[in-house]
C-alpha atoms as a PDB file:
ATOM      1  CA  MET A   1      20.554-136.352 -44.360  1.00  0.00           C
ATOM      2  CA  ALA A   2      23.320-135.683 -42.112  1.00  0.00           C
ATOM      3  CA  GLY A   3      26.119-138.474 -40.843  1.00  0.00           C
ATOM      4  CA  ILE A   4      28.602-138.442 -38.633  1.00  0.00           C
ATOM      5  CA  THR A   5      30.434-135.347 -39.122  1.00  0.00           C
ATOM      6  CA  THR A   6      28.099-133.488 -41.690  1.00  0.00           C
ATOM      7  CA  ASN A   7      25.150-132.832 -38.004  1.00  0.00           C
ATOM      8  CA  THR A   8      26.031-130.058 -37.539  1.00  0.00           C
ATOM      9  CA  PRO A   9      26.959-128.542 -41.096  1.00  0.00           C
ATOM     10  CA  ALA A  10      23.084-129.716 -41.907  1.00  0.00           C
ATOM     11  CA  LEU A  11      21.437-128.055 -39.177  1.00  0.00           C
ATOM     12  CA  ALA A  12      22.788-124.864 -39.906  1.00  0.00           C
ATOM     13  CA  GLY A  13      21.791-125.416 -43.545  1.00  0.00           C
ATOM     14  CA  LEU A  14      17.992-126.426 -41.736  1.00  0.00           C
ATOM     15  CA  LEU A  15      18.004-123.284 -39.866  1.00  0.00           C
ATOM     16  CA  ASP A  16      18.582-120.641 -42.688  1.00  0.00           C
ATOM     17  CA  ALA A  17      15.781-122.588 -44.909  1.00  0.00           C
ATOM     18  CA  ILE A  18      13.725-122.021 -41.943  1.00  0.00           C
ATOM     19  CA  GLN A  19      15.263-118.482 -41.835  1.00  0.00           C
ATOM     20  CA  LYS A  20      14.263-118.306 -45.842  1.00  0.00           C
ATOM     21  CA  ASN A  21      11.079-119.278 -46.159  1.00  0.00           C
ATOM     22  CA  GLY A  22       9.335-116.674 -44.510  1.00  0.00           C
ATOM     23  CA  SER A  23       7.155-118.308 -42.108  1.00  0.00           C
ATOM     24  CA  ASP A  24       4.895-117.487 -39.342  1.00  0.00           C
ATOM     25  CA  HIS A  25       6.607-119.590 -37.392  1.00  0.00           C
ATOM     26  CA  ILE A  26       9.965-118.893 -37.865  1.00  0.00           C
ATOM     27  CA  GLU A  27      11.308-118.512 -34.196  1.00  0.00           C
ATOM     28  CA  VAL A  28       9.185-122.086 -32.995  1.00  0.00           C
ATOM     29  CA  MET A  29      10.580-123.850 -36.118  1.00  0.00           C
ATOM     30  CA  SER A  30      14.297-122.542 -35.559  1.00  0.00           C
ATOM     31  CA  ASN A  31      13.934-124.371 -32.089  1.00  0.00           C
ATOM     32  CA  ASN A  32      12.213-127.342 -32.504  1.00  0.00           C
ATOM     33  CA  ALA A  33      15.205-128.032 -35.087  1.00  0.00           C
ATOM     34  CA  VAL A  34      17.797-126.730 -32.377  1.00  0.00           C
ATOM     35  CA  VAL A  35      15.995-128.804 -30.042  1.00  0.00           C
ATOM     36  CA  GLY A  36      15.781-132.304 -31.846  1.00  0.00           C
ATOM     37  CA  TYR A  37      19.237-131.543 -31.977  1.00  0.00           C
ATOM     38  CA  SER A  38      20.195-130.873 -28.609  1.00  0.00           C
ATOM     39  CA  ILE A  39      18.413-134.188 -28.117  1.00  0.00           C
ATOM     40  CA  SER A  40      19.432-136.527 -31.153  1.00  0.00           C
ATOM     41  CA  TYR A  41      24.062-135.885 -31.257  1.00  0.00           C
ATOM     42  CA  PRO A  42      24.384-136.884 -27.961  1.00  0.00           C
ATOM     43  CA  MET A  43      21.976-139.839 -28.679  1.00  0.00           C
ATOM     44  CA  GLY A  44      24.070-140.979 -31.426  1.00  0.00           C
ATOM     45  CA  VAL A  45      27.593-140.037 -29.797  1.00  0.00           C
ATOM     46  CA  LEU A  46      26.795-142.205 -26.898  1.00  0.00           C
ATOM     47  CA  GLY A  47      24.904-144.871 -29.802  1.00  0.00           C
ATOM     48  CA  LEU A  48      27.817-145.177 -31.062  1.00  0.00           C
ATOM     49  CA  MET A  49      29.505-146.105 -28.230  1.00  0.00           C
ATOM     50  CA  ILE A  50      27.509-148.433 -26.870  1.00  0.00           C
ATOM     51  CA  ALA A  51      27.403-150.523 -29.815  1.00  0.00           C
ATOM     52  CA  MET A  52      31.113-150.369 -29.990  1.00  0.00           C
ATOM     53  CA  ALA A  53      31.865-152.137 -26.958  1.00  0.00           C
ATOM     54  CA  VAL A  54      28.888-154.639 -27.847  1.00  0.00           C
ATOM     55  CA  MET A  55      30.513-155.242 -31.281  1.00  0.00           C
ATOM     56  CA  GLN A  56      34.540-155.909 -29.190  1.00  0.00           C
ATOM     57  CA  ARG A  57      32.799-158.430 -26.918  1.00  0.00           C
ATOM     58  CA  LEU A  58      30.762-160.128 -29.502  1.00  0.00           C
ATOM     59  CA  PHE A  59      33.926-160.595 -32.086  1.00  0.00           C
ATOM     60  CA  LYS A  60      35.911-161.302 -29.035  1.00  0.00           C
ATOM     61  CA  ILE A  61      38.585-158.213 -29.897  1.00  0.00           C
ATOM     62  CA  LYS A  62      42.334-158.636 -28.915  1.00  0.00           C
ATOM     63  CA  TYR A  63      44.185-156.093 -29.212  1.00  0.00           C
ATOM     64  CA  GLU A  64      47.393-157.312 -28.365  1.00  0.00           C
ATOM     65  CA  GLN A  65      47.240-160.388 -30.551  1.00  0.00           C
ATOM     66  CA  GLU A  66      46.358-158.377 -34.465  1.00  0.00           C
ATOM     67  CA  THR A  67      48.832-155.801 -32.994  1.00  0.00           C
ATOM     68  CA  GLN A  68      51.427-158.786 -33.199  1.00  0.00           C
ATOM     69  CA  GLN A  69      49.191-160.515 -36.498  1.00  0.00           C
ATOM     70  CA  LEU A  70      49.514-157.112 -38.710  1.00  0.00           C
ATOM     71  CA  GLY A  71      52.853-157.178 -37.638  1.00  0.00           C
ATOM     72  CA  LYS A  72      53.222-160.171 -39.217  1.00  0.00           C
ATOM     73  CA  GLU A  73      51.718-159.660 -42.454  1.00  0.00           C
ATOM     74  CA  PHE A  74      52.556-155.786 -42.804  1.00  0.00           C
ATOM     75  CA  PRO A  75      56.410-156.111 -41.820  1.00  0.00           C
ATOM     76  CA  THR A  76      57.605-152.710 -41.112  1.00  0.00           C
ATOM     77  CA  GLY A  77      60.987-153.295 -38.898  1.00  0.00           C
ATOM     78  CA  GLN A  78      59.084-151.044 -36.934  1.00  0.00           C
ATOM     79  CA  PRO A  79      57.325-152.041 -33.986  1.00  0.00           C
ATOM     80  CA  ILE A  80      53.545-151.045 -33.912  1.00  0.00           C
ATOM     81  CA  VAL A  81      53.303-148.394 -30.746  1.00  0.00           C
ATOM     82  CA  HIS A  82      51.172-146.345 -28.628  1.00  0.00           C
ATOM     83  CA  LEU A  83      52.120-142.889 -27.075  1.00  0.00           C
ATOM     84  CA  THR A  84      50.302-140.399 -25.268  1.00  0.00           C
ATOM     85  CA  LEU A  85      51.418-137.177 -24.147  1.00  0.00           C
ATOM     86  CA  ALA A  86      50.192-134.081 -21.618  1.00  0.00           C
ATOM     87  CA  VAL A  87      51.001-130.991 -23.063  1.00  0.00           C
ATOM     88  CA  GLN A  88      51.265-128.188 -20.593  1.00  0.00           C
ATOM     89  CA  MET A  89      52.219-124.668 -22.279  1.00  0.00           C
ATOM     90  CA  SER A  90      51.398-122.300 -19.432  1.00  0.00           C
ATOM     91  CA  LEU A  91      51.670-119.729 -21.357  1.00  0.00           C
ATOM     92  CA  PHE A  92      48.415-120.408 -22.528  1.00  0.00           C
ATOM     93  CA  TRP A  93      46.949-121.703 -19.832  1.00  0.00           C
ATOM     94  CA  GLY A  94      47.980-118.599 -17.195  1.00  0.00           C
END
């Protein structure tokens, strides 16, 4: 069993188990595991994104209203803000 953040370690564990099995079909089994992972991983990510979009529409979530409501429920004296930064370091990027 693997979750959203444990699927790559699970693949590594499966490949290790296949290698230690000593079967005559190690290469085929390893390739099948990698192909299955390569197909299922993007579907899992896209499925989660689609599910979130559907739930937002289904429950009619309005983020502005929720921000205001949370500010009333948990008054910190500071506004809830977000900030997007673009980091540019020519030393690393050339």
